Amino acid sequence: MSDTLNRIETRLTEALAPVSLHIDDESALHAGHAGARDGGGHYRVDIVSAAFAGKNTVARHRMIYAALGDLMPRAIHALAIRASAPEEL
């Protein structure tokens, strides 16, 4: 697992105590892209957390971006998010 993947996992786990967390590094699919050339990776996050209960999509994404903080936009150039509360599964 790459350093950035570890950092994403650690930060999301500490901030949101997920029931489920899956992170895919899709950077190889974007080779040559401007953000990739500058070192930023492309990631897909699928996270289930009770912290998302009663929150809309925008609020959930803001919680994730807040947890990742300074990783955006240098280490993470693009982030696809699927965030759910446990009762939505």
Protein backbone atom coordinates (compact mmCIF):
# COMPACT_ATOMS: atom_id res chain seq x y z
CA MET A 1 0.00 0.00 0.00
CA SER A 2 1.39 3.40 -0.95
CA ASP A 3 2.17 6.13 1.57
CA THR A 4 -0.71 8.26 0.28
CA LEU A 5 -3.16 5.35 0.54
CA ASN A 6 -2.01 4.76 4.13
CA ARG A 7 -2.42 8.44 4.97
CA ILE A 8 -5.92 8.56 3.44
CA GLU A 9 -6.95 5.43 5.35
CA THR A 10 -5.52 6.69 8.65
CA ARG A 11 -7.12 10.12 8.42
CA LEU A 12 -10.54 8.85 7.41
CA THR A 13 -10.47 6.15 10.08
CA GLU A 14 -9.49 8.61 12.82
CA ALA A 15 -11.99 11.29 11.76
CA LEU A 16 -15.02 9.20 10.78
CA ALA A 17 -14.68 5.78 12.47
CA PRO A 18 -15.97 3.97 9.38
CA VAL A 19 -17.83 0.68 9.54
CA SER A 20 -16.41 0.00 6.09
CA LEU A 21 -13.68 1.73 4.09
CA HIS A 22 -12.32 0.81 0.67
CA ILE A 23 -9.82 2.96 -1.23
CA ASP A 24 -8.71 2.36 -4.81
CA ASP A 25 -5.66 4.02 -6.32
CA GLU A 26 -6.67 4.80 -9.91
CA SER A 27 -3.60 6.91 -10.65
CA ALA A 28 -2.28 4.51 -13.30
CA LEU A 29 -5.45 5.09 -15.31
CA HIS A 30 -4.57 8.78 -15.54
CA ALA A 31 -0.91 8.58 -16.51
CA GLY A 32 0.13 11.70 -18.40
CA HIS A 33 -2.70 13.79 -16.94
CA ALA A 34 -1.52 17.20 -15.70
CA GLY A 35 -2.32 16.43 -12.07
CA ALA A 36 -0.59 13.07 -12.28
CA ARG A 37 2.53 14.67 -13.77
CA ASP A 38 2.69 16.98 -10.75
CA GLY A 39 2.62 14.00 -8.37
CA GLY A 40 -1.05 14.04 -7.33
CA GLY A 41 -2.87 10.75 -7.42
CA HIS A 42 -6.41 9.79 -8.43
CA TYR A 43 -8.33 7.85 -5.77
CA ARG A 44 -11.78 6.34 -5.28
CA VAL A 45 -13.17 6.09 -1.74
CA ASP A 46 -16.14 3.97 -0.69
CA ILE A 47 -16.87 4.70 2.97
CA VAL A 48 -19.68 3.77 5.34
CA SER A 49 -19.85 5.68 8.62
CA ALA A 50 -22.47 6.47 11.26
CA ALA A 51 -21.08 10.01 11.15
CA PHE A 52 -22.93 10.46 7.84
CA ALA A 53 -26.39 9.75 9.29
CA GLY A 54 -28.77 12.59 8.54
CA LYS A 55 -26.19 14.41 6.38
CA ASN A 56 -26.65 15.20 2.70
CA THR A 57 -24.04 14.37 0.04
CA VAL A 58 -22.36 17.78 0.15
CA ALA A 59 -21.98 17.66 3.94
CA ARG A 60 -20.52 14.15 3.74
CA HIS A 61 -17.99 15.19 1.12
CA ARG A 62 -17.02 18.22 3.20
CA MET A 63 -16.38 15.92 6.18
CA ILE A 64 -14.10 13.77 4.03
CA TYR A 65 -12.24 16.76 2.58
CA ALA A 66 -11.80 18.19 6.10
CA ALA A 67 -10.30 14.88 7.26
CA LEU A 68 -7.89 14.77 4.32
CA GLY A 69 -6.90 18.43 4.74
CA ASP A 70 -3.47 19.18 3.32
CA LEU A 71 -3.39 16.04 1.16
CA MET A 72 -5.60 17.98 -1.25
CA PRO A 73 -4.51 18.96 -3.91
CA ARG A 74 -0.83 17.92 -3.80
CA ALA A 75 -0.91 14.22 -2.84
CA ILE A 76 -4.51 13.81 -4.02
CA HIS A 77 -5.31 15.39 -7.35
CA ALA A 78 -8.73 13.75 -7.82
CA LEU A 79 -11.05 11.97 -5.42
CA ALA A 80 -14.21 10.06 -6.28
CA ILE A 81 -16.38 9.52 -3.21
CA ARG A 82 -19.23 7.21 -2.31
CA ALA A 83 -20.21 7.95 1.29
CA SER A 84 -23.09 6.18 3.05
CA ALA A 85 -24.53 5.79 6.51
CA PRO A 86 -24.88 2.17 7.72
CA GLU A 87 -28.68 2.25 7.59
CA GLU A 88 -28.55 3.11 3.87
CA LEU A 89 -27.01 -0.21 2.87
